[in-house]
Every structure is written in C-alpha cells, then in structure tokens.
Amino acid sequence: MEFGLDIRKNDQVKVIAGRDKGKVGRVLEVEPRQRRLYVEHVNMIKRHTRPNPAKQIRGGVLEKEGPIHVSNVALVCSECGPTRIQHRGMAGSKKVRICAKCEKSLDK
C-alpha cells in the first residue's frame, strides 16, 4: 500500500479546518503512514519536562508543534493562494505538482 502525500517538507500551507484555521506556516515534518504533518506555529502543545543536567535539559513547560491531519491543510501557491494539487507528467517522464487554479508548477 502506498502512502505518498501531495504535501512535502518545507511547503507553505494554510490551515483550513480546526482551532488554528486561517494560519499559514511551513511544513516541518511529514508522517505519510499516519497522514499527519507538523506545521510551524500550528497546534502548539505544552510538554512538562523534568530537568536533566546530563542531557543539558533545563526543564519546565516546553511548547512545540503537534501533528495535524493532511486533510486540514491546503498547499499555498505563490501566485493565487491556497489551492488543490494536480499532477502532470512532463517531457522527462517526471511527475510534477501543478496548481489547480493557475496551472503553475509547485515543484522547484
């Protein structure tokens, strides 16, 4: 079973559902098997940590990004904003992600 996702690390995405709806951020990490991703400054969770001098951990309340489901985000096109993704096979038989609105390539 294939677990490929249309959204990749370092893509710009906009949250379209949930408590952080409307926020825009960069994808930090992708978990294709769980269909989840971590977006910068979205779904912030608090983690209470003990100090551990051996590992240089100060302890206290740490804030970090929590996972968000891939269906709750939309990829942001640089020209037309949040969009759906289409795929096209280009001349070199390489599949490219295309913006569904302006048909601009989303791959670098």
N, C-alpha and C. Protein backbone atom coordinates (compact mmCIF):
# COMPACT_ATOMS: atom_id res chain seq x y z
N MET A 1 0.84 -1.18 0.00
CA MET A 1 0.00 0.00 0.00
C MET A 1 0.88 1.25 0.00
N GLU A 2 0.58 2.18 -0.87
CA GLU A 2 1.40 3.39 -0.98
C GLU A 2 0.86 4.48 -0.07
N PHE A 3 1.78 5.22 0.55
CA PHE A 3 1.40 6.26 1.49
C PHE A 3 1.87 7.63 1.04
N GLY A 4 2.10 7.84 -0.24
CA GLY A 4 2.61 9.12 -0.72
C GLY A 4 1.63 10.25 -0.47
N LEU A 5 2.16 11.41 -0.09
CA LEU A 5 1.34 12.59 0.15
C LEU A 5 1.70 13.66 -0.87
N ASP A 6 0.75 14.55 -1.16
CA ASP A 6 0.99 15.64 -2.10
C ASP A 6 1.75 16.79 -1.43
N ILE A 7 1.76 16.82 -0.11
CA ILE A 7 2.43 17.90 0.61
C ILE A 7 3.75 17.38 1.14
N ARG A 8 4.80 18.17 0.96
CA ARG A 8 6.14 17.75 1.34
C ARG A 8 6.74 18.72 2.36
N LYS A 9 7.87 18.33 2.92
CA LYS A 9 8.58 19.16 3.89
C LYS A 9 8.98 20.49 3.23
N ASN A 10 8.90 21.58 4.01
CA ASN A 10 9.21 22.95 3.59
C ASN A 10 8.18 23.58 2.66
N ASP A 11 7.06 22.91 2.37
CA ASP A 11 5.97 23.53 1.61
C ASP A 11 5.26 24.56 2.49
N GLN A 12 4.70 25.59 1.86
CA GLN A 12 3.90 26.59 2.56
C GLN A 12 2.45 26.11 2.52
N VAL A 13 1.80 25.98 3.68
CA VAL A 13 0.42 25.51 3.73
C VAL A 13 -0.44 26.45 4.56
N LYS A 14 -1.75 26.40 4.32
CA LYS A 14 -2.72 27.17 5.10
C LYS A 14 -3.67 26.18 5.76
N VAL A 15 -3.95 26.38 7.05
CA VAL A 15 -4.86 25.51 7.79
C VAL A 15 -6.29 25.89 7.42
N ILE A 16 -7.10 24.92 6.96
CA ILE A 16 -8.45 25.21 6.50
C ILE A 16 -9.52 24.66 7.45
N ALA A 17 -9.10 23.95 8.52
CA ALA A 17 -10.06 23.43 9.49
C ALA A 17 -9.38 23.25 10.83
N GLY A 18 -10.17 23.36 11.91
CA GLY A 18 -9.63 23.15 13.25
C GLY A 18 -9.45 24.45 14.00
N ARG A 19 -8.87 24.35 15.19
CA ARG A 19 -8.75 25.53 16.06
C ARG A 19 -7.76 26.56 15.54
N ASP A 20 -6.85 26.16 14.66
CA ASP A 20 -5.87 27.09 14.09
C ASP A 20 -6.23 27.49 12.66
N LYS A 21 -7.50 27.42 12.32
CA LYS A 21 -7.97 27.74 10.98
C LYS A 21 -7.53 29.15 10.56
N GLY A 22 -6.98 29.24 9.34
CA GLY A 22 -6.54 30.52 8.81
C GLY A 22 -5.04 30.77 8.94
N LYS A 23 -4.36 30.01 9.79
CA LYS A 23 -2.92 30.21 9.96
C LYS A 23 -2.16 29.65 8.76
N VAL A 24 -1.07 30.33 8.44
CA VAL A 24 -0.21 29.90 7.34
C VAL A 24 1.16 29.58 7.92
N GLY A 25 1.74 28.46 7.51
CA GLY A 25 3.05 28.09 8.03
C GLY A 25 3.77 27.12 7.12
N ARG A 26 5.02 26.85 7.48
CA ARG A 26 5.88 25.96 6.72
C ARG A 26 5.80 24.56 7.32
N VAL A 27 5.79 23.53 6.47
CA VAL A 27 5.73 22.14 6.94
C VAL A 27 7.11 21.76 7.48
N LEU A 28 7.15 21.33 8.75
CA LEU A 28 8.40 20.95 9.39
C LEU A 28 8.71 19.47 9.22
N GLU A 29 7.66 18.63 9.27
CA GLU A 29 7.85 17.19 9.23
C GLU A 29 6.60 16.54 8.66
N VAL A 30 6.76 15.44 7.93
CA VAL A 30 5.64 14.73 7.32
C VAL A 30 5.68 13.27 7.78
N GLU A 31 4.52 12.74 8.20
CA GLU A 31 4.39 11.33 8.56
C GLU A 31 3.38 10.70 7.60
N PRO A 32 3.84 10.15 6.47
CA PRO A 32 2.92 9.65 5.45
C PRO A 32 2.04 8.49 5.91
N ARG A 33 2.57 7.60 6.75
CA ARG A 33 1.77 6.44 7.18
C ARG A 33 0.56 6.86 8.02
N GLN A 34 0.74 7.86 8.88
CA GLN A 34 -0.37 8.36 9.70
C GLN A 34 -1.14 9.47 9.01
N ARG A 35 -0.68 9.91 7.84
CA ARG A 35 -1.28 11.00 7.07
C ARG A 35 -1.35 12.28 7.91
N ARG A 36 -0.27 12.54 8.65
CA ARG A 36 -0.19 13.71 9.52
C ARG A 36 1.06 14.50 9.18
N LEU A 37 1.02 15.80 9.52
CA LEU A 37 2.21 16.63 9.34
C LEU A 37 2.29 17.65 10.44
N TYR A 38 3.50 18.19 10.61
CA TYR A 38 3.77 19.20 11.62
C TYR A 38 4.01 20.52 10.90
N VAL A 39 3.24 21.55 11.28
CA VAL A 39 3.31 22.86 10.64
C VAL A 39 3.82 23.87 11.67
N GLU A 40 4.70 24.76 11.23
CA GLU A 40 5.31 25.76 12.08
C GLU A 40 4.24 26.63 12.76
N HIS A 41 4.27 26.71 14.10
CA HIS A 41 3.38 27.54 14.92
C HIS A 41 1.91 27.16 14.80
N VAL A 42 1.61 25.90 14.50
CA VAL A 42 0.22 25.42 14.40
C VAL A 42 0.06 24.24 15.35
N ASN A 43 -1.08 24.18 16.06
CA ASN A 43 -1.40 23.12 17.00
C ASN A 43 -0.32 23.00 18.08
N MET A 44 -0.01 24.14 18.70
CA MET A 44 1.03 24.17 19.73
C MET A 44 0.55 23.43 20.98
N ILE A 45 1.40 22.52 21.48
CA ILE A 45 1.08 21.74 22.68
C ILE A 45 2.13 22.03 23.74
N LYS A 46 1.74 21.89 25.01
CA LYS A 46 2.65 22.12 26.12
C LYS A 46 3.13 20.77 26.65
N ARG A 47 4.43 20.69 26.91
CA ARG A 47 5.02 19.46 27.44
C ARG A 47 5.78 19.82 28.70
N HIS A 48 5.40 19.21 29.83
CA HIS A 48 6.07 19.47 31.11
C HIS A 48 7.26 18.51 31.21
N THR A 49 8.45 19.09 31.35
CA THR A 49 9.69 18.31 31.30
C THR A 49 10.49 18.50 32.58
N ARG A 50 11.07 17.41 33.08
CA ARG A 50 11.94 17.46 34.25
C ARG A 50 13.32 17.93 33.84
N PRO A 51 14.02 18.62 34.71
CA PRO A 51 15.40 18.98 34.39
C PRO A 51 16.29 17.74 34.38
N ASN A 52 17.21 17.67 33.42
CA ASN A 52 18.17 16.57 33.33
C ASN A 52 19.53 17.16 32.96
N PRO A 53 20.35 17.43 33.97
CA PRO A 53 21.65 18.08 33.70
C PRO A 53 22.56 17.25 32.80
N ALA A 54 22.43 15.92 32.83
CA ALA A 54 23.28 15.06 32.00
C ALA A 54 23.03 15.30 30.51
N LYS A 55 21.81 15.64 30.15
CA LYS A 55 21.46 15.88 28.73
C LYS A 55 21.28 17.36 28.43
N GLN A 56 21.68 18.25 29.34
CA GLN A 56 21.55 19.71 29.19
C GLN A 56 20.09 20.12 28.94
N ILE A 57 19.15 19.51 29.66
CA ILE A 57 17.74 19.88 29.57
C ILE A 57 17.39 20.69 30.80
N ARG A 58 16.92 21.93 30.60
CA ARG A 58 16.62 22.81 31.73
C ARG A 58 15.36 22.41 32.46
N GLY A 59 14.36 21.89 31.76
CA GLY A 59 13.11 21.53 32.39
C GLY A 59 12.13 22.68 32.36
N GLY A 60 10.90 22.43 32.79
CA GLY A 60 9.85 23.43 32.77
C GLY A 60 8.79 23.07 31.74
N VAL A 61 8.02 24.06 31.33
CA VAL A 61 6.96 23.84 30.35
C VAL A 61 7.48 24.23 28.97
N LEU A 62 7.58 23.26 28.08
CA LEU A 62 8.05 23.49 26.72
C LEU A 62 6.86 23.51 25.77
N GLU A 63 6.91 24.38 24.78
CA GLU A 63 5.86 24.42 23.76
C GLU A 63 6.43 23.93 22.45
N LYS A 64 5.71 23.02 21.80
CA LYS A 64 6.15 22.53 20.50
C LYS A 64 4.94 22.24 19.62
N GLU A 65 5.19 22.04 18.34
CA GLU A 65 4.11 21.79 17.39
C GLU A 65 3.58 20.36 17.53
N GLY A 66 2.27 20.22 17.45
CA GLY A 66 1.65 18.91 17.45
C GLY A 66 1.26 18.53 16.04
N PRO A 67 0.91 17.27 15.81
CA PRO A 67 0.54 16.83 14.47
C PRO A 67 -0.83 17.34 14.05
N ILE A 68 -1.01 17.54 12.75
CA ILE A 68 -2.29 17.95 12.18
C ILE A 68 -2.54 17.06 10.96
N HIS A 69 -3.78 16.67 10.74
CA HIS A 69 -4.10 15.77 9.63
C HIS A 69 -3.96 16.50 8.31
N VAL A 70 -3.52 15.78 7.29
CA VAL A 70 -3.22 16.38 5.99
C VAL A 70 -4.49 16.94 5.32
N SER A 71 -5.65 16.42 5.68
CA SER A 71 -6.90 16.91 5.07
C SER A 71 -7.29 18.28 5.60
N ASN A 72 -6.65 18.74 6.68
CA ASN A 72 -6.99 20.02 7.28
C ASN A 72 -6.10 21.16 6.80
N VAL A 73 -5.26 20.90 5.80
CA VAL A 73 -4.40 21.95 5.26
C VAL A 73 -4.51 21.99 3.74
N ALA A 74 -4.21 23.17 3.17
CA ALA A 74 -4.18 23.34 1.72
C ALA A 74 -2.84 23.94 1.34
N LEU A 75 -2.26 23.45 0.28
CA LEU A 75 -0.98 23.97 -0.20
C LEU A 75 -1.18 25.38 -0.73
N VAL A 76 -0.24 26.29 -0.45
CA VAL A 76 -0.36 27.68 -0.87
C VAL A 76 0.48 27.89 -2.12
N CYS A 77 -0.18 28.34 -3.20
CA CYS A 77 0.51 28.70 -4.44
C CYS A 77 1.03 30.12 -4.29
N SER A 78 2.22 30.40 -4.80
CA SER A 78 2.82 31.73 -4.65
C SER A 78 2.03 32.80 -5.40
N GLU A 79 1.25 32.42 -6.42
CA GLU A 79 0.50 33.40 -7.20
C GLU A 79 -0.95 33.56 -6.77
N CYS A 80 -1.63 32.43 -6.48
CA CYS A 80 -3.08 32.52 -6.27
C CYS A 80 -3.55 32.06 -4.89
N GLY A 81 -2.65 31.75 -3.96
CA GLY A 81 -3.06 31.40 -2.61
C GLY A 81 -3.34 29.92 -2.43
N PRO A 82 -4.17 29.55 -1.43
CA PRO A 82 -4.44 28.13 -1.16
C PRO A 82 -5.12 27.47 -2.34
N THR A 83 -4.66 26.26 -2.68
CA THR A 83 -5.18 25.60 -3.87
C THR A 83 -5.14 24.09 -3.71
N ARG A 84 -5.81 23.41 -4.61
CA ARG A 84 -5.70 21.96 -4.70
C ARG A 84 -4.53 21.64 -5.61
N ILE A 85 -4.14 20.37 -5.60
CA ILE A 85 -2.95 19.96 -6.34
C ILE A 85 -3.35 18.98 -7.44
N GLN A 86 -2.80 19.21 -8.64
CA GLN A 86 -2.95 18.27 -9.74
C GLN A 86 -1.57 17.73 -10.08
N HIS A 87 -1.53 16.63 -10.82
CA HIS A 87 -0.26 16.04 -11.22
C HIS A 87 -0.21 15.97 -12.74
N ARG A 88 0.97 16.25 -13.29
CA ARG A 88 1.19 16.14 -14.73
C ARG A 88 2.52 15.46 -14.95
N GLY A 89 2.59 14.63 -15.97
CA GLY A 89 3.85 14.03 -16.38
C GLY A 89 4.50 14.94 -17.41
N MET A 90 5.68 15.46 -17.09
CA MET A 90 6.38 16.35 -18.01
C MET A 90 7.21 15.55 -19.01
N ALA A 91 7.90 16.24 -19.91
CA ALA A 91 8.62 15.62 -21.03
C ALA A 91 9.62 14.55 -20.59
N GLY A 92 10.24 14.71 -19.44
CA GLY A 92 11.23 13.74 -18.97
C GLY A 92 10.61 12.60 -18.17
N SER A 93 9.33 12.35 -18.33
CA SER A 93 8.56 11.34 -17.60
C SER A 93 8.63 11.56 -16.08
N LYS A 94 8.84 12.81 -15.67
CA LYS A 94 8.86 13.15 -14.24
C LYS A 94 7.52 13.76 -13.88
N LYS A 95 6.89 13.25 -12.83
CA LYS A 95 5.61 13.78 -12.39
C LYS A 95 5.83 15.08 -11.64
N VAL A 96 5.02 16.10 -11.95
CA VAL A 96 5.16 17.42 -11.35
C VAL A 96 3.85 17.81 -10.71
N ARG A 97 3.92 18.48 -9.54
CA ARG A 97 2.72 19.00 -8.90
C ARG A 97 2.36 20.33 -9.55
N ILE A 98 1.06 20.48 -9.89
CA ILE A 98 0.57 21.66 -10.59
C ILE A 98 -0.54 22.31 -9.76
N CYS A 99 -0.56 23.65 -9.71
CA CYS A 99 -1.64 24.39 -9.05
C CYS A 99 -2.92 24.19 -9.87
N ALA A 100 -4.02 23.86 -9.21
CA ALA A 100 -5.28 23.61 -9.91
C ALA A 100 -5.91 24.89 -10.45
N LYS A 101 -5.56 26.06 -9.87
CA LYS A 101 -6.16 27.32 -10.31
C LYS A 101 -5.40 27.94 -11.48
N CYS A 102 -4.07 28.15 -11.31
CA CYS A 102 -3.31 28.87 -12.33
C CYS A 102 -2.42 27.96 -13.17
N GLU A 103 -2.40 26.66 -12.87
CA GLU A 103 -1.62 25.66 -13.59
C GLU A 103 -0.12 25.96 -13.60
N LYS A 104 0.36 26.59 -12.54
CA LYS A 104 1.80 26.84 -12.37
C LYS A 104 2.41 25.66 -11.63
N SER A 105 3.65 25.31 -11.96
CA SER A 105 4.34 24.21 -11.29
C SER A 105 4.62 24.58 -9.83
N LEU A 106 4.33 23.65 -8.91
CA LEU A 106 4.56 23.89 -7.49
C LEU A 106 5.90 23.31 -7.02
N ASP A 107 6.56 22.56 -7.89
CA ASP A 107 7.87 21.99 -7.56
C ASP A 107 8.97 22.94 -7.97
N LYS A 108 10.05 22.94 -7.21
CA LYS A 108 11.16 23.83 -7.53
C LYS A 108 12.00 23.26 -8.64
